[in-house]
Amino acid sequence: MKAFVLTGYNKKAPLQPMDMPVPTPNDDEVLVQVHAAGVNVLDSKLRDGEFKLILPYHLPVILGHDVAGVVVQVGARVRQFQPGDEVYARLDDFRIGGFAEFVVVQEASLAPKPKGLTMEEAASVPLVALTAWQALVEKAQLKPGQKVFIQAGSGGVGTLAIQLAKHLGATVATTTSTANVAFVKGLGADTVVDYKTQSFADVLRDQDVVLNSQDTKTLQQSVGVLKRGGKLISISGPPDPAFGQAIAAPGFVRVVMWLLSAGIRRLAKRRSIAYAFLFMRPSGAQLREITALFDAGVLRPVVDRVFPFESTNEAMAYVDAGRSRGKVVVKVR
């Protein structure tokens, strides 16, 4: 099968197109013929070597975390799927490989594809939708009437998080560029801060929850817009000790995480704010709930561009530029 392979950590270096063997599913796995694969910042960070401490992959490895496709073979213990099923998934860490014609997926991480979505649309969903779900439903436990600030509203996570927060009954604030103000309002944002002309720190106050996806400066400013007792959830770091414990990181890695997050944890504690780092995990069960929201028309995918499979490196470069509206996808089949 054709695949795009990371052979060595190298910032912005192209992945290598290679012929690889079709993987064989274990008893609890499903072999999926990939029709489309989502492209994420996470793929770029892995390529650049930024996550070597958290995700120490043995190279070479096929990148790609989001897939949509058709089941072609199931393991002996698989009960929920059969050949011919249309499915989608966020692949498990250390079991990635979406930039390929076939991939094996753990049954527990797989879900039926939303019926009304194309393969390309479905491939844009899993990672960003699960991130939004785990941030807003699990960690924040967002309630009707609460105020949530979702940064980068026109990005992949932002476009889904705004829609989900509105479904949960929250009042939503977000940031975006001038060109995307009307777009994010159309997704449901109540307050939109044009970061080219305003600072959110001057506009927003008394937020119950902040979903941070930006740099250290933005993270520190986010503390100031939260009410006392609010929740600051970051998907861009720094990792905190609780995350190190959850992934059973080695002792020296936990020390590094403790040091990296010490500043923001102290700042948050002074304001009685709870800080948490989120590195989303695959979940077929949560994807089924998300599927139901797409099937009901509550959520809709936002796809910026679809690249042909042979242009996977160009798709990653487009994501690296940081200007995509919603998600970028490669059409594999």
C-alpha atoms as a PDB file:
ATOM      1  CA  MET A   1       0.000   0.000   0.000  1.00  0.00           C
ATOM      2  CA  LYS A   2       1.052   3.607  -0.540  1.00  0.00           C
ATOM      3  CA  ALA A   3       1.814   5.646   2.568  1.00  0.00           C
ATOM      4  CA  PHE A   4       3.526   8.841   3.731  1.00  0.00           C
ATOM      5  CA  VAL A   5       6.209   7.996   6.262  1.00  0.00           C
ATOM      6  CA  LEU A   6       8.197   9.965   8.849  1.00  0.00           C
ATOM      7  CA  THR A   7      11.751   8.603   8.683  1.00  0.00           C
ATOM      8  CA  GLY A   8      13.458  11.158  10.950  1.00  0.00           C
ATOM      9  CA  TYR A   9      12.543  14.167  13.082  1.00  0.00           C
ATOM     10  CA  ASN A  10      13.173  17.268  11.006  1.00  0.00           C
ATOM     11  CA  LYS A  11      11.265  20.554  11.214  1.00  0.00           C
ATOM     12  CA  LYS A  12       9.027  21.035   8.178  1.00  0.00           C
ATOM     13  CA  ALA A  13      10.813  18.257   6.275  1.00  0.00           C
ATOM     14  CA  PRO A  14       8.586  16.378   3.797  1.00  0.00           C
ATOM     15  CA  LEU A  15       7.220  12.947   4.621  1.00  0.00           C
ATOM     16  CA  GLN A  16       8.500  10.166   2.383  1.00  0.00           C
ATOM     17  CA  PRO A  17       6.056   8.455   0.009  1.00  0.00           C
ATOM     18  CA  MET A  18       6.724   4.724   0.350  1.00  0.00           C
ATOM     19  CA  ASP A  19       5.230   1.316  -0.388  1.00  0.00           C
ATOM     20  CA  MET A  20       4.405  -0.391   2.916  1.00  0.00           C
ATOM     21  CA  PRO A  21       2.830  -3.763   3.764  1.00  0.00           C
ATOM     22  CA  VAL A  22      -0.909  -3.777   4.458  1.00  0.00           C
ATOM     23  CA  PRO A  23      -1.245  -4.199   8.250  1.00  0.00           C
ATOM     24  CA  THR A  24      -2.957  -7.243   9.756  1.00  0.00           C
ATOM     25  CA  PRO A  25      -5.543  -6.604  12.481  1.00  0.00           C
ATOM     26  CA  ASN A  26      -5.189  -8.202  15.913  1.00  0.00           C
ATOM     27  CA  ASP A  27      -8.192  -9.869  17.555  1.00  0.00           C
ATOM     28  CA  ASP A  28      -9.527  -6.537  18.918  1.00  0.00           C
ATOM     29  CA  GLU A  29      -8.782  -4.507  15.786  1.00  0.00           C
ATOM     30  CA  VAL A  30     -10.430  -3.614  12.500  1.00  0.00           C
ATOM     31  CA  LEU A  31      -8.715  -3.163   9.135  1.00  0.00           C
ATOM     32  CA  VAL A  32     -10.046  -0.031   7.447  1.00  0.00           C
ATOM     33  CA  GLN A  33      -9.573   1.002   3.835  1.00  0.00           C
ATOM     34  CA  VAL A  34      -8.886   4.710   4.218  1.00  0.00           C
ATOM     35  CA  HIS A  35     -10.945   7.000   1.996  1.00  0.00           C
ATOM     36  CA  ALA A  36      -9.887  10.286   3.612  1.00  0.00           C
ATOM     37  CA  ALA A  37      -7.549  11.437   6.383  1.00  0.00           C
ATOM     38  CA  GLY A  38      -7.579  14.621   8.437  1.00  0.00           C
ATOM     39  CA  VAL A  39      -4.412  16.707   8.717  1.00  0.00           C
ATOM     40  CA  ASN A  40      -3.685  18.134  12.156  1.00  0.00           C
ATOM     41  CA  VAL A  41      -1.153  20.380  13.857  1.00  0.00           C
ATOM     42  CA  LEU A  42      -0.350  17.297  15.933  1.00  0.00           C
ATOM     43  CA  ASP A  43       1.087  15.639  12.813  1.00  0.00           C
ATOM     44  CA  SER A  44       3.393  18.613  12.298  1.00  0.00           C
ATOM     45  CA  LYS A  45       4.484  18.625  15.936  1.00  0.00           C
ATOM     46  CA  LEU A  46       5.350  14.933  15.751  1.00  0.00           C
ATOM     47  CA  ARG A  47       7.290  15.474  12.515  1.00  0.00           C
ATOM     48  CA  ASP A  48       9.203  18.355  14.096  1.00  0.00           C
ATOM     49  CA  GLY A  49      10.108  16.285  17.168  1.00  0.00           C
ATOM     50  CA  GLU A  50       8.242  18.526  19.629  1.00  0.00           C
ATOM     51  CA  PHE A  51       6.503  15.596  21.373  1.00  0.00           C
ATOM     52  CA  LYS A  52       9.446  13.206  21.694  1.00  0.00           C
ATOM     53  CA  LEU A  53       9.164  13.201  25.501  1.00  0.00           C
ATOM     54  CA  ILE A  54       5.395  12.619  25.540  1.00  0.00           C
ATOM     55  CA  LEU A  55       5.128  10.369  22.472  1.00  0.00           C
ATOM     56  CA  PRO A  56       8.454   8.591  21.902  1.00  0.00           C
ATOM     57  CA  TYR A  57       7.725   6.935  18.555  1.00  0.00           C
ATOM     58  CA  HIS A  58      10.135   4.431  17.046  1.00  0.00           C
ATOM     59  CA  LEU A  59      10.790   5.613  13.499  1.00  0.00           C
ATOM     60  CA  PRO A  60       9.916   5.110  10.731  1.00  0.00           C
ATOM     61  CA  VAL A  61       6.216   5.713  11.344  1.00  0.00           C
ATOM     62  CA  ILE A  62       3.251   6.564   9.121  1.00  0.00           C
ATOM     63  CA  LEU A  63       1.663   9.817  10.305  1.00  0.00           C
ATOM     64  CA  GLY A  64      -2.057  10.699  10.299  1.00  0.00           C
ATOM     65  CA  HIS A  65      -4.461  10.664  13.265  1.00  0.00           C
ATOM     66  CA  ASP A  66      -7.949  11.092  11.694  1.00  0.00           C
ATOM     67  CA  VAL A  67      -9.484   8.663   9.213  1.00  0.00           C
ATOM     68  CA  ALA A  68     -12.767   7.853   7.532  1.00  0.00           C
ATOM     69  CA  GLY A  69     -13.222   4.766   5.431  1.00  0.00           C
ATOM     70  CA  VAL A  70     -14.731   1.297   5.011  1.00  0.00           C
ATOM     71  CA  VAL A  71     -14.148  -1.823   7.098  1.00  0.00           C
ATOM     72  CA  VAL A  72     -12.523  -4.611   5.073  1.00  0.00           C
ATOM     73  CA  GLN A  73     -11.547  -7.106   7.813  1.00  0.00           C
ATOM     74  CA  VAL A  74     -12.295  -7.577  11.515  1.00  0.00           C
ATOM     75  CA  GLY A  75     -10.418  -9.370  14.289  1.00  0.00           C
ATOM     76  CA  ALA A  76     -11.761 -12.487  15.978  1.00  0.00           C
ATOM     77  CA  ARG A  77     -13.097 -10.633  19.044  1.00  0.00           C
ATOM     78  CA  VAL A  78     -14.642  -7.676  17.194  1.00  0.00           C
ATOM     79  CA  ARG A  79     -18.433  -7.556  17.613  1.00  0.00           C
ATOM     80  CA  GLN A  80     -19.554  -4.028  16.708  1.00  0.00           C
ATOM     81  CA  PHE A  81     -18.356  -3.857  13.085  1.00  0.00           C
ATOM     82  CA  GLN A  82     -18.329  -5.963   9.951  1.00  0.00           C
ATOM     83  CA  PRO A  83     -16.864  -5.631   6.441  1.00  0.00           C
ATOM     84  CA  GLY A  84     -18.585  -2.906   4.428  1.00  0.00           C
ATOM     85  CA  ASP A  85     -19.347  -0.613   7.391  1.00  0.00           C
ATOM     86  CA  GLU A  86     -18.533   3.056   6.877  1.00  0.00           C
ATOM     87  CA  VAL A  87     -16.556   4.240   9.907  1.00  0.00           C
ATOM     88  CA  TYR A  88     -14.337   7.000  11.277  1.00  0.00           C
ATOM     89  CA  ALA A  89     -11.852   7.339  14.121  1.00  0.00           C
ATOM     90  CA  ARG A  90      -9.136   9.269  15.869  1.00  0.00           C
ATOM     91  CA  LEU A  91      -6.377   6.663  15.837  1.00  0.00           C
ATOM     92  CA  ASP A  92      -4.706   5.655  19.087  1.00  0.00           C
ATOM     93  CA  ASP A  93      -1.296   7.034  20.004  1.00  0.00           C
ATOM     94  CA  PHE A  94       1.422   4.606  18.900  1.00  0.00           C
ATOM     95  CA  ARG A  95      -1.161   3.080  16.512  1.00  0.00           C
ATOM     96  CA  ILE A  96      -1.432   6.007  14.093  1.00  0.00           C
ATOM     97  CA  GLY A  97      -1.044   5.682  10.323  1.00  0.00           C
ATOM     98  CA  GLY A  98      -3.876   7.537   8.608  1.00  0.00           C
ATOM     99  CA  PHE A  99      -1.729   8.784   5.721  1.00  0.00           C
ATOM    100  CA  ALA A 100      -1.977   5.375   4.054  1.00  0.00           C
ATOM    101  CA  GLU A 101      -4.374   3.317   1.974  1.00  0.00           C
ATOM    102  CA  PHE A 102      -5.134   0.966   4.877  1.00  0.00           C
ATOM    103  CA  VAL A 103      -4.903   1.248   8.669  1.00  0.00           C
ATOM    104  CA  VAL A 104      -5.775  -0.968  11.637  1.00  0.00           C
ATOM    105  CA  VAL A 105      -7.939   0.604  14.341  1.00  0.00           C
ATOM    106  CA  GLN A 106      -8.838  -0.671  17.792  1.00  0.00           C
ATOM    107  CA  GLU A 107     -12.531  -1.500  17.954  1.00  0.00           C
ATOM    108  CA  ALA A 108     -12.920   0.700  21.051  1.00  0.00           C
ATOM    109  CA  SER A 109     -11.705   3.762  19.130  1.00  0.00           C
ATOM    110  CA  LEU A 110     -13.934   3.298  16.086  1.00  0.00           C
ATOM    111  CA  ALA A 111     -17.460   4.607  15.421  1.00  0.00           C
ATOM    112  CA  PRO A 112     -20.003   4.559  12.582  1.00  0.00           C
ATOM    113  CA  LYS A 113     -19.550   7.492  10.217  1.00  0.00           C
ATOM    114  CA  PRO A 114     -22.277  10.162  10.412  1.00  0.00           C
ATOM    115  CA  LYS A 115     -24.727   9.282   7.655  1.00  0.00           C
ATOM    116  CA  GLY A 116     -25.018  12.762   6.199  1.00  0.00           C
ATOM    117  CA  LEU A 117     -21.287  13.427   5.882  1.00  0.00           C
ATOM    118  CA  THR A 118     -18.979  12.652   3.001  1.00  0.00           C
ATOM    119  CA  MET A 119     -15.826  10.691   3.725  1.00  0.00           C
ATOM    120  CA  GLU A 120     -13.813  13.901   3.511  1.00  0.00           C
ATOM    121  CA  GLU A 121     -16.125  15.686   5.942  1.00  0.00           C
ATOM    122  CA  ALA A 122     -16.088  12.745   8.340  1.00  0.00           C
ATOM    123  CA  ALA A 123     -12.285  12.588   8.312  1.00  0.00           C
ATOM    124  CA  SER A 124     -12.192  16.217   9.444  1.00  0.00           C
ATOM    125  CA  VAL A 125     -14.110  15.481  12.639  1.00  0.00           C
ATOM    126  CA  PRO A 126     -12.647  12.978  15.138  1.00  0.00           C
ATOM    127  CA  LEU A 127      -9.622  14.707  16.675  1.00  0.00           C
ATOM    128  CA  VAL A 128     -11.126  18.193  16.902  1.00  0.00           C
ATOM    129  CA  ALA A 129     -14.588  17.032  17.980  1.00  0.00           C
ATOM    130  CA  LEU A 130     -13.185  14.745  20.674  1.00  0.00           C
ATOM    131  CA  THR A 131     -10.934  17.583  21.861  1.00  0.00           C
ATOM    132  CA  ALA A 132     -13.932  19.916  22.158  1.00  0.00           C
ATOM    133  CA  TRP A 133     -16.007  17.202  23.876  1.00  0.00           C
ATOM    134  CA  GLN A 134     -13.349  16.276  26.413  1.00  0.00           C
ATOM    135  CA  ALA A 135     -12.581  19.928  27.172  1.00  0.00           C
ATOM    136  CA  LEU A 136     -16.132  21.242  27.483  1.00  0.00           C
ATOM    137  CA  VAL A 137     -18.168  18.200  28.580  1.00  0.00           C
ATOM    138  CA  GLU A 138     -15.647  16.195  30.617  1.00  0.00           C
ATOM    139  CA  LYS A 139     -13.218  18.684  32.132  1.00  0.00           C
ATOM    140  CA  ALA A 140     -15.233  21.914  32.189  1.00  0.00           C
ATOM    141  CA  GLN A 141     -18.631  20.261  32.748  1.00  0.00           C
ATOM    142  CA  LEU A 142     -20.060  23.289  30.944  1.00  0.00           C
ATOM    143  CA  LYS A 143     -23.571  24.242  32.092  1.00  0.00           C
ATOM    144  CA  PRO A 144     -26.385  26.248  30.453  1.00  0.00           C
ATOM    145  CA  GLY A 145     -25.933  29.960  31.089  1.00  0.00           C
ATOM    146  CA  GLN A 146     -22.188  29.765  31.704  1.00  0.00           C
ATOM    147  CA  LYS A 147     -19.724  31.887  29.747  1.00  0.00           C
ATOM    148  CA  VAL A 148     -16.927  30.239  27.797  1.00  0.00           C
ATOM    149  CA  PHE A 149     -14.062  31.814  25.888  1.00  0.00           C
ATOM    150  CA  ILE A 150     -12.887  29.613  22.994  1.00  0.00           C
ATOM    151  CA  GLN A 151      -9.728  30.913  21.365  1.00  0.00           C
ATOM    152  CA  ALA A 152      -9.100  30.772  17.613  1.00  0.00           C
ATOM    153  CA  GLY A 153     -12.728  30.288  16.675  1.00  0.00           C
ATOM    154  CA  SER A 154     -12.077  29.724  12.969  1.00  0.00           C
ATOM    155  CA  GLY A 155      -9.564  26.913  13.549  1.00  0.00           C
ATOM    156  CA  GLY A 156     -10.249  23.192  13.544  1.00  0.00           C
ATOM    157  CA  VAL A 157     -10.994  22.843  17.261  1.00  0.00           C
ATOM    158  CA  GLY A 158     -12.599  26.272  17.506  1.00  0.00           C
ATOM    159  CA  THR A 159     -15.222  25.675  14.828  1.00  0.00           C
ATOM    160  CA  LEU A 160     -16.473  22.508  16.566  1.00  0.00           C
ATOM    161  CA  ALA A 161     -16.067  23.840  20.126  1.00  0.00           C
ATOM    162  CA  ILE A 162     -18.220  26.908  19.394  1.00  0.00           C
ATOM    163  CA  GLN A 163     -21.029  24.729  18.036  1.00  0.00           C
ATOM    164  CA  LEU A 164     -20.813  22.278  20.932  1.00  0.00           C
ATOM    165  CA  ALA A 165     -20.745  25.042  23.556  1.00  0.00           C
ATOM    166  CA  LYS A 166     -23.878  26.628  22.062  1.00  0.00           C
ATOM    167  CA  HIS A 167     -25.595  23.231  22.080  1.00  0.00           C
ATOM    168  CA  LEU A 168     -24.734  22.955  25.782  1.00  0.00           C
ATOM    169  CA  GLY A 169     -26.413  26.313  26.402  1.00  0.00           C
ATOM    170  CA  ALA A 170     -23.340  28.457  27.041  1.00  0.00           C
ATOM    171  CA  THR A 171     -22.624  32.040  25.992  1.00  0.00           C
ATOM    172  CA  VAL A 172     -19.597  31.907  23.706  1.00  0.00           C
ATOM    173  CA  ALA A 173     -16.786  34.406  23.141  1.00  0.00           C
ATOM    174  CA  THR A 174     -13.999  33.801  20.651  1.00  0.00           C
ATOM    175  CA  THR A 175     -11.115  35.425  18.792  1.00  0.00           C
ATOM    176  CA  THR A 176     -10.480  35.494  15.074  1.00  0.00           C
ATOM    177  CA  SER A 177      -9.150  37.712  12.306  1.00  0.00           C
ATOM    178  CA  THR A 178     -11.166  40.460  10.632  1.00  0.00           C
ATOM    179  CA  ALA A 179     -11.955  38.269   7.630  1.00  0.00           C
ATOM    180  CA  ASN A 180     -13.565  35.560   9.782  1.00  0.00           C
ATOM    181  CA  VAL A 181     -15.727  37.617  12.170  1.00  0.00           C
ATOM    182  CA  ALA A 182     -18.980  36.935  10.311  1.00  0.00           C
ATOM    183  CA  PHE A 183     -18.010  33.296   9.820  1.00  0.00           C
ATOM    184  CA  VAL A 184     -17.588  32.509  13.545  1.00  0.00           C
ATOM    185  CA  LYS A 185     -20.759  34.441  14.383  1.00  0.00           C
ATOM    186  CA  GLY A 186     -22.505  32.119  11.933  1.00  0.00           C
ATOM    187  CA  LEU A 187     -21.226  29.168  13.962  1.00  0.00           C
ATOM    188  CA  GLY A 188     -22.873  30.612  17.078  1.00  0.00           C
ATOM    189  CA  ALA A 189     -20.296  32.883  18.730  1.00  0.00           C
ATOM    190  CA  ASP A 190     -21.980  35.635  20.774  1.00  0.00           C
ATOM    191  CA  THR A 191     -18.922  37.860  21.271  1.00  0.00           C
ATOM    192  CA  VAL A 192     -16.151  38.013  18.690  1.00  0.00           C
ATOM    193  CA  VAL A 193     -12.844  39.758  19.367  1.00  0.00           C
ATOM    194  CA  ASP A 194     -10.914  40.727  16.228  1.00  0.00           C
ATOM    195  CA  TYR A 195      -7.370  40.068  17.397  1.00  0.00           C
ATOM    196  CA  LYS A 196      -5.992  42.330  14.682  1.00  0.00           C
ATOM    197  CA  THR A 197      -7.638  45.383  16.256  1.00  0.00           C
ATOM    198  CA  GLN A 198      -8.387  44.364  19.872  1.00  0.00           C
ATOM    199  CA  SER A 199      -6.963  42.435  22.787  1.00  0.00           C
ATOM    200  CA  PHE A 200      -9.339  39.921  24.350  1.00  0.00           C
ATOM    201  CA  ALA A 201      -7.849  40.823  27.736  1.00  0.00           C
ATOM    202  CA  ASP A 202      -9.362  44.328  27.345  1.00  0.00           C
ATOM    203  CA  VAL A 203     -12.787  43.070  26.233  1.00  0.00           C
ATOM    204  CA  LEU A 204     -13.685  39.921  28.173  1.00  0.00           C
ATOM    205  CA  ARG A 205     -14.468  39.542  31.872  1.00  0.00           C
ATOM    206  CA  ASP A 206     -15.964  36.964  34.274  1.00  0.00           C
ATOM    207  CA  GLN A 207     -15.693  33.930  32.021  1.00  0.00           C
ATOM    208  CA  ASP A 208     -16.496  30.584  33.630  1.00  0.00           C
ATOM    209  CA  VAL A 209     -14.278  28.586  31.262  1.00  0.00           C
ATOM    210  CA  VAL A 210     -11.415  29.344  28.893  1.00  0.00           C
ATOM    211  CA  LEU A 211     -10.313  26.862  26.223  1.00  0.00           C
ATOM    212  CA  ASN A 212      -6.744  27.920  25.452  1.00  0.00           C
ATOM    213  CA  SER A 213      -5.062  26.858  22.230  1.00  0.00           C
ATOM    214  CA  GLN A 214      -2.453  29.578  21.801  1.00  0.00           C
ATOM    215  CA  ASP A 215       0.940  30.628  23.191  1.00  0.00           C
ATOM    216  CA  THR A 216       2.231  31.288  26.708  1.00  0.00           C
ATOM    217  CA  LYS A 217       1.348  34.988  26.641  1.00  0.00           C
ATOM    218  CA  THR A 218      -2.253  34.212  25.697  1.00  0.00           C
ATOM    219  CA  LEU A 219      -2.421  31.529  28.397  1.00  0.00           C
ATOM    220  CA  GLN A 220      -1.326  34.007  31.078  1.00  0.00           C
ATOM    221  CA  GLN A 221      -3.747  36.672  29.833  1.00  0.00           C
ATOM    222  CA  SER A 222      -6.554  34.105  29.968  1.00  0.00           C
ATOM    223  CA  VAL A 223      -6.270  33.942  33.754  1.00  0.00           C
ATOM    224  CA  GLY A 224      -7.322  37.588  33.897  1.00  0.00           C
ATOM    225  CA  VAL A 225     -10.592  37.088  32.022  1.00  0.00           C
ATOM    226  CA  LEU A 226     -11.799  34.239  34.248  1.00  0.00           C
ATOM    227  CA  LYS A 227     -13.955  34.700  37.316  1.00  0.00           C
ATOM    228  CA  ARG A 228     -12.695  33.341  40.611  1.00  0.00           C
ATOM    229  CA  GLY A 229     -13.276  29.612  40.651  1.00  0.00           C
ATOM    230  CA  GLY A 230     -13.187  29.446  36.859  1.00  0.00           C
ATOM    231  CA  LYS A 231     -11.537  26.733  34.775  1.00  0.00           C
ATOM    232  CA  LEU A 232      -8.599  27.211  32.413  1.00  0.00           C
ATOM    233  CA  ILE A 233      -8.168  24.265  30.038  1.00  0.00           C
ATOM    234  CA  SER A 234      -5.224  24.326  27.655  1.00  0.00           C
ATOM    235  CA  ILE A 235      -4.700  22.086  24.647  1.00  0.00           C
ATOM    236  CA  SER A 236      -1.417  23.753  23.708  1.00  0.00           C
ATOM    237  CA  GLY A 237       0.442  23.231  26.983  1.00  0.00           C
ATOM    238  CA  PRO A 238       2.223  23.281  29.196  1.00  0.00           C
ATOM    239  CA  PRO A 239       1.548  19.713  30.381  1.00  0.00           C
ATOM    240  CA  ASP A 240       0.802  19.538  34.102  1.00  0.00           C
ATOM    241  CA  PRO A 241       1.719  16.901  36.734  1.00  0.00           C
ATOM    242  CA  ALA A 242      -1.745  15.322  36.529  1.00  0.00           C
ATOM    243  CA  PHE A 243      -1.197  14.607  32.841  1.00  0.00           C
ATOM    244  CA  GLY A 244       2.205  13.078  33.552  1.00  0.00           C
ATOM    245  CA  GLN A 245       0.597  10.781  36.099  1.00  0.00           C
ATOM    246  CA  ALA A 246      -2.259   9.864  33.742  1.00  0.00           C
ATOM    247  CA  ILE A 247       0.113   8.685  31.009  1.00  0.00           C
ATOM    248  CA  ALA A 248       2.477   7.017  33.508  1.00  0.00           C
ATOM    249  CA  ALA A 249       5.361   9.158  32.266  1.00  0.00           C
ATOM    250  CA  PRO A 250       8.867   8.381  33.542  1.00  0.00           C
ATOM    251  CA  GLY A 251       9.967  10.287  36.640  1.00  0.00           C
ATOM    252  CA  PHE A 252      12.249  12.727  34.833  1.00  0.00           C
ATOM    253  CA  VAL A 253       9.468  13.564  32.348  1.00  0.00           C
ATOM    254  CA  ARG A 254       7.086  14.291  35.237  1.00  0.00           C
ATOM    255  CA  VAL A 255       9.679  16.629  36.734  1.00  0.00           C
ATOM    256  CA  VAL A 256       9.943  18.457  33.403  1.00  0.00           C
ATOM    257  CA  MET A 257       6.151  18.805  33.241  1.00  0.00           C
ATOM    258  CA  TRP A 258       6.061  20.078  36.827  1.00  0.00           C
ATOM    259  CA  LEU A 259       8.669  22.725  36.021  1.00  0.00           C
ATOM    260  CA  LEU A 260       7.079  23.766  32.711  1.00  0.00           C
ATOM    261  CA  SER A 261       3.640  24.262  34.273  1.00  0.00           C
ATOM    262  CA  ALA A 262       4.754  25.724  37.621  1.00  0.00           C
ATOM    263  CA  GLY A 263       4.330  29.343  36.516  1.00  0.00           C
ATOM    264  CA  ILE A 264       0.806  29.080  35.163  1.00  0.00           C
ATOM    265  CA  ARG A 265      -0.302  26.872  38.058  1.00  0.00           C
ATOM    266  CA  ARG A 266       0.927  29.465  40.570  1.00  0.00           C
ATOM    267  CA  LEU A 267      -0.752  32.283  38.658  1.00  0.00           C
ATOM    268  CA  ALA A 268      -4.022  30.370  38.466  1.00  0.00           C
ATOM    269  CA  LYS A 269      -3.916  29.372  42.130  1.00  0.00           C
ATOM    270  CA  ARG A 270      -3.635  33.017  43.236  1.00  0.00           C
ATOM    271  CA  ARG A 271      -6.989  33.641  41.513  1.00  0.00           C
ATOM    272  CA  SER A 272      -8.579  30.379  42.704  1.00  0.00           C
ATOM    273  CA  ILE A 273      -8.662  29.142  39.103  1.00  0.00           C
ATOM    274  CA  ALA A 274      -8.299  25.482  38.165  1.00  0.00           C
ATOM    275  CA  TYR A 275      -5.684  24.862  35.449  1.00  0.00           C
ATOM    276  CA  ALA A 276      -5.681  21.635  33.430  1.00  0.00           C
ATOM    277  CA  PHE A 277      -3.800  20.455  30.354  1.00  0.00           C
ATOM    278  CA  LEU A 278      -5.788  18.350  27.884  1.00  0.00           C
ATOM    279  CA  PHE A 279      -4.210  15.891  25.470  1.00  0.00           C
ATOM    280  CA  MET A 280      -7.269  14.282  23.987  1.00  0.00           C
ATOM    281  CA  ARG A 281      -7.646  10.523  23.883  1.00  0.00           C
ATOM    282  CA  PRO A 282      -9.429   8.390  21.281  1.00  0.00           C
ATOM    283  CA  SER A 283     -12.903   7.156  22.218  1.00  0.00           C
ATOM    284  CA  GLY A 284     -15.333   5.317  20.001  1.00  0.00           C
ATOM    285  CA  ALA A 285     -18.066   5.743  22.644  1.00  0.00           C
ATOM    286  CA  GLN A 286     -17.734   9.521  22.644  1.00  0.00           C
ATOM    287  CA  LEU A 287     -17.561   9.554  18.843  1.00  0.00           C
ATOM    288  CA  ARG A 288     -20.917   7.762  18.762  1.00  0.00           C
ATOM    289  CA  GLU A 289     -22.424  10.603  20.823  1.00  0.00           C
ATOM    290  CA  ILE A 290     -20.803  13.111  18.474  1.00  0.00           C
ATOM    291  CA  THR A 291     -22.139  11.170  15.473  1.00  0.00           C
ATOM    292  CA  ALA A 292     -25.655  11.548  16.857  1.00  0.00           C
ATOM    293  CA  LEU A 293     -25.185  15.335  17.030  1.00  0.00           C
ATOM    294  CA  PHE A 294     -24.072  15.442  13.389  1.00  0.00           C
ATOM    295  CA  ASP A 295     -26.957  13.196  12.313  1.00  0.00           C
ATOM    296  CA  ALA A 296     -29.371  15.515  14.177  1.00  0.00           C
ATOM    297  CA  GLY A 297     -27.950  18.611  12.479  1.00  0.00           C
ATOM    298  CA  VAL A 298     -26.684  20.086  15.757  1.00  0.00           C
ATOM    299  CA  LEU A 299     -23.082  20.064  14.526  1.00  0.00           C
ATOM    300  CA  ARG A 300     -21.702  20.583  11.050  1.00  0.00           C
ATOM    301  CA  PRO A 301     -18.182  19.970   9.737  1.00  0.00           C
ATOM    302  CA  VAL A 302     -16.006  22.832   8.523  1.00  0.00           C
ATOM    303  CA  VAL A 303     -13.553  21.778   5.826  1.00  0.00           C
ATOM    304  CA  ASP A 304     -11.222  24.385   4.379  1.00  0.00           C
ATOM    305  CA  ARG A 305      -9.474  22.369   1.655  1.00  0.00           C
ATOM    306  CA  VAL A 306      -9.250  18.814   0.384  1.00  0.00           C
ATOM    307  CA  PHE A 307      -5.899  17.781  -1.111  1.00  0.00           C
ATOM    308  CA  PRO A 308      -5.256  14.682  -3.240  1.00  0.00           C
ATOM    309  CA  PHE A 309      -3.352  11.925  -1.443  1.00  0.00           C
ATOM    310  CA  GLU A 310      -0.190  12.511  -3.443  1.00  0.00           C
ATOM    311  CA  SER A 311      -0.171  16.109  -2.139  1.00  0.00           C
ATOM    312  CA  THR A 312      -0.079  15.124   1.554  1.00  0.00           C
ATOM    313  CA  ASN A 313       3.089  17.159   2.136  1.00  0.00           C
ATOM    314  CA  GLU A 314       1.453  20.220   0.576  1.00  0.00           C
ATOM    315  CA  ALA A 315      -1.536  19.698   2.872  1.00  0.00           C
ATOM    316  CA  MET A 316       0.763  19.668   5.900  1.00  0.00           C
ATOM    317  CA  ALA A 317       2.500  22.837   4.695  1.00  0.00           C
ATOM    318  CA  TYR A 318      -0.915  24.501   4.370  1.00  0.00           C
ATOM    319  CA  VAL A 319      -1.739  23.556   7.958  1.00  0.00           C
ATOM    320  CA  ASP A 320       1.690  24.779   9.090  1.00  0.00           C
ATOM    321  CA  ALA A 321       0.893  28.220   7.664  1.00  0.00           C
ATOM    322  CA  GLY A 322      -1.842  28.562  10.298  1.00  0.00           C
ATOM    323  CA  ARG A 323      -4.457  30.219   8.113  1.00  0.00           C
ATOM    324  CA  SER A 324      -6.905  27.405   7.464  1.00  0.00           C
ATOM    325  CA  ARG A 325     -10.594  27.925   8.252  1.00  0.00           C
ATOM    326  CA  GLY A 326     -11.659  24.680   9.863  1.00  0.00           C
ATOM    327  CA  LYS A 327      -9.925  21.468   8.834  1.00  0.00           C
ATOM    328  CA  VAL A 328      -7.653  20.285   6.031  1.00  0.00           C
ATOM    329  CA  VAL A 329      -8.166  16.798   4.597  1.00  0.00           C
ATOM    330  CA  VAL A 330      -6.405  14.504   2.146  1.00  0.00           C
ATOM    331  CA  LYS A 331      -8.559  12.346  -0.150  1.00  0.00           C
ATOM    332  CA  VAL A 332      -6.938   8.931  -0.160  1.00  0.00           C
ATOM    333  CA  ARG A 333      -9.464   6.968  -2.246  1.00  0.00           C
END
